[in-house]
Amino acid sequence: MQAHLQGAILRYRLYDINILINRTLVYVMLTALLASIYIGSIIYLVLDNLSIHMPCLGNSSKCNFIAYVHL
């Protein structure tokens, strides 16, 4: 039965492999794009939240001013 089905698929081109590969690649790229946007926004929000709670995180003028005032 399976051999007959495979023969019919190949003979009459019931499954066009190019369309299947194209759709798969498009869905994979869209999923990767959405995942990178999601992860990027999470990282941005976490780093932004850290900079609000810890203003001396990094090398900024605000950090230098706070360090100078405390001396």
Protein backbone atom coordinates (compact mmCIF):
# COMPACT_ATOMS: atom_id res chain seq x y z
CA MET A 1 0.00 0.00 0.00
CA GLN A 2 2.75 2.44 0.96
CA ALA A 3 4.72 1.74 -2.19
CA HIS A 4 1.65 2.44 -4.33
CA LEU A 5 1.05 5.70 -2.48
CA GLN A 6 4.65 6.79 -2.96
CA GLY A 7 4.48 5.85 -6.62
CA ALA A 8 1.32 7.94 -7.10
CA ILE A 9 2.89 10.89 -5.31
CA LEU A 10 5.96 10.77 -7.53
CA ARG A 11 4.06 10.05 -10.73
CA TYR A 12 1.37 12.70 -10.43
CA ARG A 13 3.37 15.20 -8.35
CA LEU A 14 0.74 15.35 -5.64
CA TYR A 15 3.15 16.99 -3.19
CA ASP A 16 5.15 19.81 -4.67
CA ILE A 17 8.30 19.73 -2.55
CA ASN A 18 9.33 23.28 -3.55
CA ILE A 19 6.20 24.77 -1.97
CA LEU A 20 6.70 22.71 1.17
CA ILE A 21 10.34 23.77 1.52
CA ASN A 22 9.48 27.42 0.79
CA ARG A 23 6.73 27.53 3.43
CA THR A 24 8.96 25.80 5.95
CA LEU A 25 11.77 28.31 5.43
CA VAL A 26 9.38 31.26 5.63
CA TYR A 27 7.83 30.00 8.88
CA VAL A 28 11.25 29.30 10.39
CA MET A 29 12.50 32.79 9.51
CA LEU A 30 9.35 34.45 10.87
CA THR A 31 9.57 32.45 14.07
CA ALA A 32 13.24 33.38 14.50
CA LEU A 33 12.44 37.06 13.86
CA LEU A 34 9.63 37.09 16.41
CA ALA A 35 11.73 35.23 18.97
CA SER A 36 14.63 37.67 18.54
CA ILE A 37 12.31 40.67 18.92
CA TYR A 38 10.79 39.13 22.05
CA ILE A 39 14.16 38.26 23.63
CA GLY A 40 15.61 41.64 22.63
CA SER A 41 12.73 43.50 24.26
CA ILE A 42 13.08 41.43 27.45
CA ILE A 43 16.82 42.18 27.61
CA TYR A 44 16.20 45.87 26.92
CA LEU A 45 13.56 46.10 29.67
CA VAL A 46 15.75 44.27 32.18
CA LEU A 47 18.77 46.48 31.46
CA ASP A 48 16.61 49.61 31.56
CA ASN A 49 15.18 48.50 34.91
CA LEU A 50 18.70 47.90 36.25
CA SER A 51 19.84 51.36 35.18
CA ILE A 52 16.90 52.94 37.04
CA HIS A 53 17.59 51.10 40.28
CA MET A 54 21.40 51.27 40.04
CA PRO A 55 22.31 54.60 38.41
CA CYS A 56 26.08 53.95 38.60
CA LEU A 57 25.85 50.91 36.36
CA GLY A 58 28.26 51.70 33.56
CA ASN A 59 30.36 54.75 32.82
CA SER A 60 28.06 57.76 32.74
CA SER A 61 28.28 61.39 33.78
CA LYS A 62 25.62 60.80 36.43
CA CYS A 63 27.80 58.09 37.97
CA ASN A 64 30.87 60.36 37.93
CA PHE A 65 28.88 63.19 39.54
CA ILE A 66 27.60 60.92 42.31
CA ALA A 67 31.12 59.61 42.94
CA TYR A 68 32.51 63.19 43.10
CA VAL A 69 29.80 64.37 45.51
CA HIS A 70 30.42 61.46 47.88
CA LEU A 71 34.15 62.19 48.05
